[in-house]
Amino acid sequence: MRESLIENIQSKIKLSTEEIEIFNTFWKERKLVKNEYIFRNGEICKFDSFVISGSFKAFYIHPDTGKEEIIFFAIENWWATDLDSFSNQSPSMYAIQAIENSIVLQINYPSFEELLRQIPKLERYFRLILQGYNSSIQRRIILTNSHSAEERYRDFVQRYPKIIQKVPQYLIASYLGITPEFLSKIRGKKN
């Protein structure tokens, strides 16, 4: 199970055999069934979670409409975490829930800090992950503010083909800020 996380890390930085052994002692495997939460809105995100298998949705419930609004998805080899809540150990504004039966590797905040102390070069790995995450958020803001729904959908399909295969269309519609019916029309035009 830990091999996919190690491979993910090794694609950005190199760990020695000794560092890998240390690293492995910090992570716990957790199995979640479909619809189970990693954490709910208002709870503290106690764990940084790396997805081994399955898929997750991060979502916010709009206070006025009660509508679920998708913030992001996490699939194999992605992280499923509220960075603000985890880093500050403060209540989360959103929830992360399994879309299907899934397995994650988790580390709690004190252990995460100790891991970085013992293997300082992991700071670089997590900085690179954060840079990628920040870039994707910036891109999403620009697309949402200045592109049509059809353009946003085409970009999503191009960038995230694995998500298209794993995630129900109504959730993708929510992520794009459109109705499932409108997404069907866009997909119909494409075909």
N, C-alpha and C. Protein backbone atom coordinates (compact mmCIF):
# COMPACT_ATOMS: atom_id res chain seq x y z
N MET A 1 0.81 -1.20 0.00
CA MET A 1 0.00 0.00 0.00
C MET A 1 0.86 1.27 0.00
N ARG A 2 1.88 1.27 0.83
CA ARG A 2 2.72 2.46 0.96
C ARG A 2 3.58 2.70 -0.28
N GLU A 3 3.71 1.67 -1.12
CA GLU A 3 4.57 1.80 -2.30
C GLU A 3 4.12 2.92 -3.21
N SER A 4 2.80 3.10 -3.39
CA SER A 4 2.35 4.15 -4.30
C SER A 4 2.66 5.54 -3.74
N LEU A 5 2.59 5.71 -2.43
CA LEU A 5 2.96 6.99 -1.83
C LEU A 5 4.47 7.21 -1.97
N ILE A 6 5.25 6.18 -1.72
CA ILE A 6 6.71 6.29 -1.88
C ILE A 6 7.05 6.64 -3.32
N GLU A 7 6.41 5.97 -4.29
CA GLU A 7 6.66 6.27 -5.71
C GLU A 7 6.30 7.72 -6.02
N ASN A 8 5.18 8.19 -5.48
CA ASN A 8 4.76 9.57 -5.69
C ASN A 8 5.84 10.53 -5.17
N ILE A 9 6.34 10.25 -3.99
CA ILE A 9 7.37 11.11 -3.40
C ILE A 9 8.67 11.02 -4.21
N GLN A 10 9.06 9.79 -4.57
CA GLN A 10 10.31 9.59 -5.30
C GLN A 10 10.28 10.24 -6.68
N SER A 11 9.10 10.53 -7.20
CA SER A 11 9.03 11.22 -8.50
C SER A 11 9.47 12.69 -8.37
N LYS A 12 9.53 13.19 -7.13
CA LYS A 12 9.89 14.59 -6.91
C LYS A 12 11.18 14.76 -6.11
N ILE A 13 11.41 13.86 -5.16
CA ILE A 13 12.65 13.87 -4.38
C ILE A 13 13.09 12.42 -4.17
N LYS A 14 14.34 12.23 -3.84
CA LYS A 14 14.84 10.87 -3.60
C LYS A 14 15.03 10.64 -2.11
N LEU A 15 14.49 9.50 -1.65
CA LEU A 15 14.65 9.09 -0.26
C LEU A 15 15.59 7.89 -0.20
N SER A 16 16.42 7.86 0.82
CA SER A 16 17.30 6.70 1.03
C SER A 16 16.47 5.54 1.59
N THR A 17 17.04 4.36 1.59
CA THR A 17 16.36 3.19 2.16
C THR A 17 16.03 3.44 3.63
N GLU A 18 16.96 4.04 4.36
CA GLU A 18 16.73 4.33 5.77
C GLU A 18 15.58 5.34 5.94
N GLU A 19 15.56 6.36 5.10
CA GLU A 19 14.49 7.36 5.16
C GLU A 19 13.13 6.74 4.85
N ILE A 20 13.10 5.82 3.90
CA ILE A 20 11.84 5.13 3.56
C ILE A 20 11.35 4.32 4.75
N GLU A 21 12.27 3.64 5.43
CA GLU A 21 11.89 2.86 6.61
C GLU A 21 11.31 3.77 7.70
N ILE A 22 11.94 4.90 7.93
CA ILE A 22 11.42 5.87 8.91
C ILE A 22 10.06 6.37 8.45
N PHE A 23 9.98 6.75 7.21
CA PHE A 23 8.75 7.30 6.63
C PHE A 23 7.57 6.35 6.84
N ASN A 24 7.79 5.09 6.54
CA ASN A 24 6.71 4.10 6.62
C ASN A 24 6.12 3.93 8.02
N THR A 25 6.91 4.23 9.04
CA THR A 25 6.42 4.05 10.41
C THR A 25 5.37 5.09 10.81
N PHE A 26 5.25 6.15 10.05
CA PHE A 26 4.36 7.26 10.41
C PHE A 26 2.94 7.12 9.86
N TRP A 27 2.74 6.26 8.89
CA TRP A 27 1.47 6.22 8.16
C TRP A 27 0.60 5.05 8.58
N LYS A 28 -0.69 5.29 8.67
CA LYS A 28 -1.68 4.26 9.01
C LYS A 28 -2.65 4.11 7.84
N GLU A 29 -2.98 2.88 7.55
CA GLU A 29 -3.95 2.60 6.49
C GLU A 29 -5.37 2.70 7.06
N ARG A 30 -6.26 3.27 6.28
CA ARG A 30 -7.67 3.35 6.67
C ARG A 30 -8.54 2.99 5.47
N LYS A 31 -9.49 2.09 5.70
CA LYS A 31 -10.45 1.73 4.66
C LYS A 31 -11.76 2.46 4.94
N LEU A 32 -12.33 3.03 3.89
CA LEU A 32 -13.60 3.73 4.01
C LEU A 32 -14.59 3.12 3.03
N VAL A 33 -15.81 2.95 3.46
CA VAL A 33 -16.85 2.46 2.57
C VAL A 33 -17.49 3.66 1.86
N LYS A 34 -18.17 3.39 0.79
CA LYS A 34 -18.86 4.43 0.04
C LYS A 34 -19.71 5.28 0.99
N ASN A 35 -19.63 6.58 0.82
CA ASN A 35 -20.35 7.60 1.60
C ASN A 35 -19.77 7.87 2.99
N GLU A 36 -18.73 7.16 3.40
CA GLU A 36 -18.10 7.43 4.69
C GLU A 36 -17.24 8.70 4.56
N TYR A 37 -17.17 9.44 5.65
CA TYR A 37 -16.45 10.71 5.66
C TYR A 37 -15.03 10.55 6.21
N ILE A 38 -14.09 11.29 5.64
CA ILE A 38 -12.78 11.46 6.27
C ILE A 38 -12.98 12.44 7.41
N PHE A 39 -13.73 13.50 7.15
CA PHE A 39 -14.16 14.45 8.17
C PHE A 39 -15.37 15.21 7.61
N ARG A 40 -16.14 15.82 8.52
CA ARG A 40 -17.33 16.58 8.15
C ARG A 40 -17.10 18.07 8.38
N ASN A 41 -17.95 18.85 7.75
CA ASN A 41 -17.94 20.29 7.95
C ASN A 41 -18.00 20.60 9.45
N GLY A 42 -17.15 21.51 9.90
CA GLY A 42 -17.13 21.90 11.31
C GLY A 42 -16.19 21.07 12.16
N GLU A 43 -15.74 19.93 11.64
CA GLU A 43 -14.77 19.10 12.37
C GLU A 43 -13.36 19.54 11.98
N ILE A 44 -12.41 19.20 12.82
CA ILE A 44 -11.01 19.47 12.50
C ILE A 44 -10.50 18.33 11.61
N CYS A 45 -9.82 18.69 10.54
CA CYS A 45 -9.17 17.69 9.68
C CYS A 45 -7.94 17.20 10.43
N LYS A 46 -8.08 16.06 11.08
CA LYS A 46 -7.02 15.55 11.96
C LYS A 46 -5.91 14.81 11.22
N PHE A 47 -6.18 14.44 9.95
CA PHE A 47 -5.23 13.64 9.20
C PHE A 47 -4.98 14.21 7.81
N ASP A 48 -3.74 14.11 7.37
CA ASP A 48 -3.40 14.31 5.97
C ASP A 48 -3.62 12.94 5.34
N SER A 49 -4.39 12.87 4.27
CA SER A 49 -4.79 11.58 3.69
C SER A 49 -4.33 11.47 2.24
N PHE A 50 -3.62 10.40 1.95
CA PHE A 50 -3.17 10.10 0.58
C PHE A 50 -4.02 8.95 0.07
N VAL A 51 -4.63 9.13 -1.10
CA VAL A 51 -5.56 8.14 -1.64
C VAL A 51 -4.79 7.02 -2.33
N ILE A 52 -4.98 5.81 -1.81
CA ILE A 52 -4.38 4.61 -2.41
C ILE A 52 -5.31 4.04 -3.47
N SER A 53 -6.60 3.95 -3.15
CA SER A 53 -7.59 3.48 -4.12
C SER A 53 -8.92 4.15 -3.81
N GLY A 54 -9.77 4.22 -4.83
CA GLY A 54 -11.08 4.82 -4.65
C GLY A 54 -11.10 6.27 -5.06
N SER A 55 -12.13 6.98 -4.60
CA SER A 55 -12.28 8.39 -4.95
C SER A 55 -13.08 9.11 -3.87
N PHE A 56 -12.85 10.41 -3.80
CA PHE A 56 -13.47 11.26 -2.79
C PHE A 56 -13.97 12.55 -3.41
N LYS A 57 -14.94 13.15 -2.74
CA LYS A 57 -15.38 14.49 -3.10
C LYS A 57 -15.22 15.36 -1.87
N ALA A 58 -14.74 16.58 -2.09
CA ALA A 58 -14.71 17.60 -1.04
C ALA A 58 -15.84 18.55 -1.40
N PHE A 59 -16.70 18.83 -0.43
CA PHE A 59 -17.86 19.66 -0.75
C PHE A 59 -18.26 20.54 0.42
N TYR A 60 -18.96 21.58 0.05
CA TYR A 60 -19.45 22.60 0.96
C TYR A 60 -20.97 22.64 0.79
N ILE A 61 -21.70 22.78 1.86
CA ILE A 61 -23.15 22.93 1.76
C ILE A 61 -23.46 24.42 1.83
N HIS A 62 -24.03 24.94 0.75
CA HIS A 62 -24.36 26.36 0.70
C HIS A 62 -25.42 26.67 1.76
N PRO A 63 -25.18 27.65 2.64
CA PRO A 63 -26.10 27.90 3.75
C PRO A 63 -27.48 28.38 3.33
N ASP A 64 -27.58 29.07 2.19
CA ASP A 64 -28.88 29.58 1.75
C ASP A 64 -29.69 28.56 0.97
N THR A 65 -29.02 27.82 0.10
CA THR A 65 -29.74 26.88 -0.76
C THR A 65 -29.74 25.45 -0.22
N GLY A 66 -28.79 25.14 0.67
CA GLY A 66 -28.66 23.78 1.17
C GLY A 66 -28.05 22.85 0.12
N LYS A 67 -27.60 23.44 -0.98
CA LYS A 67 -27.07 22.67 -2.11
C LYS A 67 -25.60 22.30 -1.87
N GLU A 68 -25.25 21.08 -2.23
CA GLU A 68 -23.87 20.60 -2.14
C GLU A 68 -23.07 21.20 -3.29
N GLU A 69 -21.96 21.86 -2.95
CA GLU A 69 -21.09 22.45 -3.97
C GLU A 69 -19.72 21.78 -3.88
N ILE A 70 -19.33 21.15 -4.98
CA ILE A 70 -18.08 20.39 -5.02
C ILE A 70 -16.89 21.35 -5.10
N ILE A 71 -15.93 21.14 -4.22
CA ILE A 71 -14.71 21.96 -4.20
C ILE A 71 -13.61 21.27 -5.01
N PHE A 72 -13.43 19.97 -4.74
CA PHE A 72 -12.44 19.21 -5.52
C PHE A 72 -12.73 17.72 -5.38
N PHE A 73 -12.07 16.95 -6.24
CA PHE A 73 -12.11 15.50 -6.19
C PHE A 73 -10.71 15.01 -5.84
N ALA A 74 -10.64 13.81 -5.28
CA ALA A 74 -9.35 13.16 -5.03
C ALA A 74 -9.49 11.70 -5.43
N ILE A 75 -8.57 11.26 -6.29
CA ILE A 75 -8.55 9.87 -6.75
C ILE A 75 -7.18 9.28 -6.41
N GLU A 76 -6.91 8.07 -6.89
CA GLU A 76 -5.66 7.40 -6.59
C GLU A 76 -4.46 8.32 -6.81
N ASN A 77 -3.53 8.29 -5.86
CA ASN A 77 -2.30 9.07 -5.89
C ASN A 77 -2.51 10.57 -5.74
N TRP A 78 -3.64 10.96 -5.18
CA TRP A 78 -3.92 12.37 -4.87
C TRP A 78 -4.11 12.48 -3.36
N TRP A 79 -4.08 13.72 -2.89
CA TRP A 79 -4.29 14.01 -1.48
C TRP A 79 -5.73 14.43 -1.25
N ALA A 80 -6.30 14.02 -0.13
CA ALA A 80 -7.68 14.37 0.26
C ALA A 80 -7.62 15.00 1.65
N THR A 81 -7.38 16.30 1.67
CA THR A 81 -7.13 16.98 2.93
C THR A 81 -7.64 18.42 2.86
N ASP A 82 -8.07 18.96 3.96
CA ASP A 82 -8.32 20.40 4.08
C ASP A 82 -7.04 20.98 4.67
N LEU A 83 -6.24 21.60 3.81
CA LEU A 83 -4.93 22.09 4.24
C LEU A 83 -5.01 23.11 5.36
N ASP A 84 -6.00 24.01 5.28
CA ASP A 84 -6.15 25.03 6.32
C ASP A 84 -6.50 24.39 7.66
N SER A 85 -7.48 23.52 7.65
CA SER A 85 -7.91 22.87 8.88
C SER A 85 -6.80 21.99 9.45
N PHE A 86 -6.12 21.23 8.60
CA PHE A 86 -5.05 20.35 9.05
C PHE A 86 -3.87 21.16 9.62
N SER A 87 -3.43 22.16 8.89
CA SER A 87 -2.27 22.96 9.31
C SER A 87 -2.52 23.76 10.57
N ASN A 88 -3.74 24.29 10.71
CA ASN A 88 -4.06 25.13 11.86
C ASN A 88 -4.83 24.40 12.95
N GLN A 89 -5.18 23.13 12.67
CA GLN A 89 -5.99 22.34 13.59
C GLN A 89 -7.23 23.13 14.03
N SER A 90 -7.91 23.65 13.01
CA SER A 90 -9.13 24.44 13.20
C SER A 90 -10.28 23.78 12.45
N PRO A 91 -11.54 24.11 12.79
CA PRO A 91 -12.68 23.48 12.12
C PRO A 91 -12.67 23.73 10.60
N SER A 92 -13.05 22.71 9.88
CA SER A 92 -13.11 22.80 8.42
C SER A 92 -14.41 23.44 7.96
N MET A 93 -14.33 24.13 6.83
CA MET A 93 -15.52 24.73 6.23
C MET A 93 -16.23 23.74 5.30
N TYR A 94 -15.59 22.60 5.04
CA TYR A 94 -16.19 21.63 4.13
C TYR A 94 -15.97 20.21 4.64
N ALA A 95 -16.47 19.25 3.87
CA ALA A 95 -16.36 17.83 4.22
C ALA A 95 -15.67 17.08 3.09
N ILE A 96 -15.07 15.95 3.42
CA ILE A 96 -14.53 15.04 2.40
C ILE A 96 -15.15 13.68 2.64
N GLN A 97 -15.78 13.14 1.56
CA GLN A 97 -16.56 11.91 1.64
C GLN A 97 -16.16 10.97 0.52
N ALA A 98 -16.14 9.67 0.83
CA ALA A 98 -15.82 8.65 -0.17
C ALA A 98 -16.96 8.53 -1.18
N ILE A 99 -16.61 8.56 -2.46
CA ILE A 99 -17.58 8.35 -3.54
C ILE A 99 -17.77 6.85 -3.77
N GLU A 100 -16.75 6.08 -3.43
CA GLU A 100 -16.78 4.62 -3.57
C GLU A 100 -15.94 4.04 -2.44
N ASN A 101 -15.96 2.74 -2.26
CA ASN A 101 -15.09 2.12 -1.27
C ASN A 101 -13.66 2.52 -1.59
N SER A 102 -12.92 2.94 -0.58
CA SER A 102 -11.61 3.54 -0.80
C SER A 102 -10.64 3.16 0.31
N ILE A 103 -9.36 3.34 0.01
CA ILE A 103 -8.30 3.15 0.99
C ILE A 103 -7.39 4.37 0.95
N VAL A 104 -7.06 4.88 2.13
CA VAL A 104 -6.12 6.00 2.25
C VAL A 104 -5.01 5.64 3.23
N LEU A 105 -3.90 6.34 3.09
CA LEU A 105 -2.86 6.34 4.11
C LEU A 105 -2.96 7.67 4.82
N GLN A 106 -2.92 7.65 6.15
CA GLN A 106 -3.11 8.87 6.92
C GLN A 106 -1.98 9.09 7.92
N ILE A 107 -1.77 10.37 8.20
CA ILE A 107 -0.83 10.79 9.23
C ILE A 107 -1.48 11.94 9.99
N ASN A 108 -1.38 11.92 11.31
CA ASN A 108 -1.96 13.01 12.09
C ASN A 108 -0.98 14.19 12.13
N TYR A 109 -1.46 15.33 12.59
CA TYR A 109 -0.65 16.55 12.55
C TYR A 109 0.64 16.46 13.38
N PRO A 110 0.59 16.04 14.65
CA PRO A 110 1.86 15.94 15.40
C PRO A 110 2.85 14.99 14.74
N SER A 111 2.37 13.88 14.21
CA SER A 111 3.26 12.93 13.54
C SER A 111 3.82 13.53 12.25
N PHE A 112 3.00 14.30 11.55
CA PHE A 112 3.45 14.96 10.32
C PHE A 112 4.60 15.91 10.63
N GLU A 113 4.45 16.70 11.68
CA GLU A 113 5.52 17.62 12.08
C GLU A 113 6.79 16.86 12.46
N GLU A 114 6.63 15.75 13.16
CA GLU A 114 7.78 14.93 13.55
C GLU A 114 8.43 14.30 12.32
N LEU A 115 7.63 13.86 11.37
CA LEU A 115 8.15 13.29 10.13
C LEU A 115 9.02 14.32 9.40
N LEU A 116 8.55 15.56 9.30
CA LEU A 116 9.32 16.61 8.63
C LEU A 116 10.60 16.93 9.40
N ARG A 117 10.55 16.82 10.71
CA ARG A 117 11.75 17.05 11.52
C ARG A 117 12.79 15.95 11.26
N GLN A 118 12.31 14.70 11.16
CA GLN A 118 13.23 13.58 10.97
C GLN A 118 13.74 13.46 9.52
N ILE A 119 12.91 13.87 8.57
CA ILE A 119 13.31 13.81 7.15
C ILE A 119 13.05 15.18 6.54
N PRO A 120 13.95 16.13 6.77
CA PRO A 120 13.73 17.52 6.34
C PRO A 120 13.49 17.70 4.83
N LYS A 121 14.06 16.84 3.99
CA LYS A 121 13.87 17.02 2.55
C LYS A 121 12.42 16.80 2.12
N LEU A 122 11.61 16.21 3.00
CA LEU A 122 10.18 16.08 2.67
C LEU A 122 9.49 17.44 2.59
N GLU A 123 10.08 18.45 3.24
CA GLU A 123 9.55 19.82 3.11
C GLU A 123 9.48 20.20 1.63
N ARG A 124 10.50 19.86 0.85
CA ARG A 124 10.52 20.17 -0.59
C ARG A 124 9.37 19.45 -1.31
N TYR A 125 9.21 18.18 -1.01
CA TYR A 125 8.13 17.42 -1.64
C TYR A 125 6.78 18.09 -1.39
N PHE A 126 6.49 18.39 -0.12
CA PHE A 126 5.20 18.98 0.21
C PHE A 126 5.06 20.39 -0.34
N ARG A 127 6.16 21.12 -0.48
CA ARG A 127 6.10 22.43 -1.12
C ARG A 127 5.72 22.27 -2.58
N LEU A 128 6.30 21.30 -3.26
CA LEU A 128 5.97 21.07 -4.67
C LEU A 128 4.51 20.66 -4.83
N ILE A 129 4.00 19.84 -3.92
CA ILE A 129 2.59 19.45 -3.95
C ILE A 129 1.71 20.69 -3.77
N LEU A 130 2.06 21.54 -2.82
CA LEU A 130 1.28 22.76 -2.57
C LEU A 130 1.33 23.71 -3.76
N GLN A 131 2.47 23.80 -4.42
CA GLN A 131 2.56 24.66 -5.61
C GLN A 131 1.62 24.16 -6.70
N GLY A 132 1.59 22.85 -6.90
CA GLY A 132 0.68 22.29 -7.90
C GLY A 132 -0.77 22.54 -7.54
N TYR A 133 -1.10 22.37 -6.26
CA TYR A 133 -2.46 22.61 -5.78
C TYR A 133 -2.85 24.07 -5.98
N ASN A 134 -1.94 24.97 -5.63
CA ASN A 134 -2.19 26.40 -5.79
C ASN A 134 -2.41 26.75 -7.26
N SER A 135 -1.61 26.18 -8.14
CA SER A 135 -1.77 26.44 -9.58
C SER A 135 -3.13 25.97 -10.07
N SER A 136 -3.58 24.81 -9.60
CA SER A 136 -4.88 24.30 -10.04
C SER A 136 -6.02 25.18 -9.52
N ILE A 137 -5.88 25.71 -8.32
CA ILE A 137 -6.91 26.62 -7.78
C ILE A 137 -6.95 27.90 -8.60
N GLN A 138 -5.78 28.46 -8.92
CA GLN A 138 -5.74 29.67 -9.72
C GLN A 138 -6.39 29.44 -11.08
N ARG A 139 -6.07 28.33 -11.70
CA ARG A 139 -6.63 28.00 -13.01
C ARG A 139 -8.15 27.89 -12.91
N ARG A 140 -8.63 27.24 -11.86
CA ARG A 140 -10.07 27.08 -11.70
C ARG A 140 -10.76 28.43 -11.52
N ILE A 141 -10.18 29.32 -10.75
CA ILE A 141 -10.77 30.65 -10.55
C ILE A 141 -10.86 31.39 -11.88
N ILE A 142 -9.78 31.36 -12.65
CA ILE A 142 -9.78 32.05 -13.94
C ILE A 142 -10.82 31.44 -14.87
N LEU A 143 -10.85 30.12 -14.97
CA LEU A 143 -11.83 29.46 -15.84
C LEU A 143 -13.27 29.79 -15.41
N THR A 144 -13.52 29.74 -14.10
CA THR A 144 -14.87 30.01 -13.59
C THR A 144 -15.29 31.44 -13.88
N ASN A 145 -14.36 32.38 -13.75
CA ASN A 145 -14.70 33.79 -13.92
C ASN A 145 -14.73 34.27 -15.36
N SER A 146 -14.06 33.56 -16.27
CA SER A 146 -13.93 34.13 -17.61
C SER A 146 -14.19 33.16 -18.76
N HIS A 147 -14.65 31.96 -18.49
CA HIS A 147 -14.89 30.99 -19.56
C HIS A 147 -16.31 30.44 -19.46
N SER A 148 -16.80 30.00 -20.59
CA SER A 148 -18.15 29.42 -20.63
C SER A 148 -18.14 28.05 -19.97
N ALA A 149 -19.33 27.56 -19.65
CA ALA A 149 -19.46 26.23 -19.06
C ALA A 149 -18.89 25.17 -19.99
N GLU A 150 -19.11 25.33 -21.28
CA GLU A 150 -18.59 24.37 -22.25
C GLU A 150 -17.06 24.37 -22.25
N GLU A 151 -16.46 25.55 -22.19
CA GLU A 151 -15.00 25.64 -22.14
C GLU A 151 -14.46 25.03 -20.84
N ARG A 152 -15.14 25.28 -19.74
CA ARG A 152 -14.72 24.70 -18.46
C ARG A 152 -14.79 23.18 -18.51
N TYR A 153 -15.87 22.66 -19.11
CA TYR A 153 -16.02 21.21 -19.21
C TYR A 153 -14.90 20.61 -20.09
N ARG A 154 -14.64 21.22 -21.24
CA ARG A 154 -13.58 20.72 -22.12
C ARG A 154 -12.23 20.72 -21.41
N ASP A 155 -11.94 21.77 -20.67
CA ASP A 155 -10.70 21.84 -19.92
C ASP A 155 -10.64 20.72 -18.87
N PHE A 156 -11.75 20.52 -18.17
CA PHE A 156 -11.82 19.47 -17.14
C PHE A 156 -11.57 18.09 -17.76
N VAL A 157 -12.21 17.81 -18.87
CA VAL A 157 -12.04 16.51 -19.54
C VAL A 157 -10.59 16.30 -19.95
N GLN A 158 -9.98 17.35 -20.48
CA GLN A 158 -8.58 17.26 -20.93
C GLN A 158 -7.63 17.07 -19.75
N ARG A 159 -7.84 17.79 -18.68
CA ARG A 159 -6.93 17.75 -17.54
C ARG A 159 -7.14 16.55 -16.63
N TYR A 160 -8.38 16.08 -16.52
CA TYR A 160 -8.71 15.05 -15.54
C TYR A 160 -9.48 13.87 -16.16
N PRO A 161 -8.91 13.21 -17.15
CA PRO A 161 -9.64 12.11 -17.80
C PRO A 161 -9.98 10.96 -16.83
N LYS A 162 -9.14 10.72 -15.83
CA LYS A 162 -9.43 9.63 -14.89
C LYS A 162 -10.63 9.97 -14.01
N ILE A 163 -10.78 11.24 -13.67
CA ILE A 163 -11.94 11.64 -12.86
C ILE A 163 -13.22 11.46 -13.65
N ILE A 164 -13.19 11.80 -14.92
CA ILE A 164 -14.37 11.64 -15.79
C ILE A 164 -14.84 10.19 -15.76
N GLN A 165 -13.90 9.24 -15.72
CA GLN A 165 -14.25 7.82 -15.71
C GLN A 165 -14.78 7.34 -14.36
N LYS A 166 -14.38 7.98 -13.26
CA LYS A 166 -14.69 7.49 -11.92
C LYS A 166 -15.85 8.19 -11.22
N VAL A 167 -16.10 9.44 -11.58
CA VAL A 167 -17.01 10.28 -10.81
C VAL A 167 -18.33 10.48 -11.56
N PRO A 168 -19.46 10.35 -10.88
CA PRO A 168 -20.76 10.57 -11.52
C PRO A 168 -20.87 11.97 -12.13
N GLN A 169 -21.58 12.06 -13.25
CA GLN A 169 -21.70 13.31 -13.99
C GLN A 169 -22.34 14.43 -13.16
N TYR A 170 -23.29 14.09 -12.28
CA TYR A 170 -23.93 15.15 -11.50
C TYR A 170 -22.94 15.82 -10.55
N LEU A 171 -21.92 15.08 -10.08
CA LEU A 171 -20.89 15.68 -9.24
C LEU A 171 -19.96 16.56 -10.06
N ILE A 172 -19.65 16.13 -11.27
CA ILE A 172 -18.83 16.95 -12.16
C ILE A 172 -19.57 18.24 -12.50
N ALA A 173 -20.87 18.15 -12.73
CA ALA A 173 -21.68 19.34 -12.99
C ALA A 173 -21.59 20.31 -11.81
N SER A 174 -21.69 19.79 -10.60
CA SER A 174 -21.59 20.64 -9.41
C SER A 174 -20.23 21.32 -9.34
N TYR A 175 -19.18 20.56 -9.62
CA TYR A 175 -17.83 21.13 -9.62
C TYR A 175 -17.72 22.27 -10.63
N LEU A 176 -18.35 22.10 -11.79
CA LEU A 176 -18.28 23.11 -12.85
C LEU A 176 -19.26 24.26 -12.62
N GLY A 177 -20.13 24.12 -11.64
CA GLY A 177 -21.09 25.19 -11.35
C GLY A 177 -22.26 25.23 -12.30
N ILE A 178 -22.64 24.07 -12.84
CA ILE A 178 -23.77 23.99 -13.77
C ILE A 178 -24.70 22.86 -13.34
N THR A 179 -25.86 22.81 -13.95
CA THR A 179 -26.81 21.74 -13.63
C THR A 179 -26.43 20.46 -14.38
N PRO A 180 -26.83 19.32 -13.87
CA PRO A 180 -26.58 18.06 -14.59
C PRO A 180 -27.22 18.07 -15.99
N GLU A 181 -28.39 18.71 -16.10
CA GLU A 181 -29.07 18.78 -17.40
C GLU A 181 -28.25 19.57 -18.41
N PHE A 182 -27.67 20.68 -17.95
CA PHE A 182 -26.85 21.50 -18.85
C PHE A 182 -25.58 20.74 -19.25
N LEU A 183 -25.00 20.00 -18.31
CA LEU A 183 -23.83 19.19 -18.63
C LEU A 183 -24.20 18.14 -19.68
N SER A 184 -25.38 17.54 -19.59
CA SER A 184 -25.83 16.57 -20.59
C SER A 184 -25.90 17.21 -21.98
N LYS A 185 -26.40 18.45 -22.03
CA LYS A 185 -26.48 19.17 -23.31
C LYS A 185 -25.08 19.41 -23.88
N ILE A 186 -24.16 19.81 -23.02
CA ILE A 186 -22.78 20.05 -23.47
C ILE A 186 -22.18 18.76 -23.99
N ARG A 187 -22.37 17.67 -23.26
CA ARG A 187 -21.83 16.38 -23.69
C ARG A 187 -22.50 15.91 -24.96
N GLY A 188 -23.80 16.20 -25.12
CA GLY A 188 -24.53 15.83 -26.34
C GLY A 188 -23.98 16.56 -27.57
N LYS A 189 -23.62 17.83 -27.40
CA LYS A 189 -23.04 18.61 -28.50
C LYS A 189 -21.74 18.01 -28.97
N LYS A 190 -20.94 17.57 -27.98
CA LYS A 190 -19.62 17.01 -28.28
C LYS A 190 -19.76 15.75 -29.14
N ASN A 191 -20.78 14.96 -28.83
CA ASN A 191 -20.98 13.70 -29.57
C ASN A 191 -21.76 14.02 -30.80
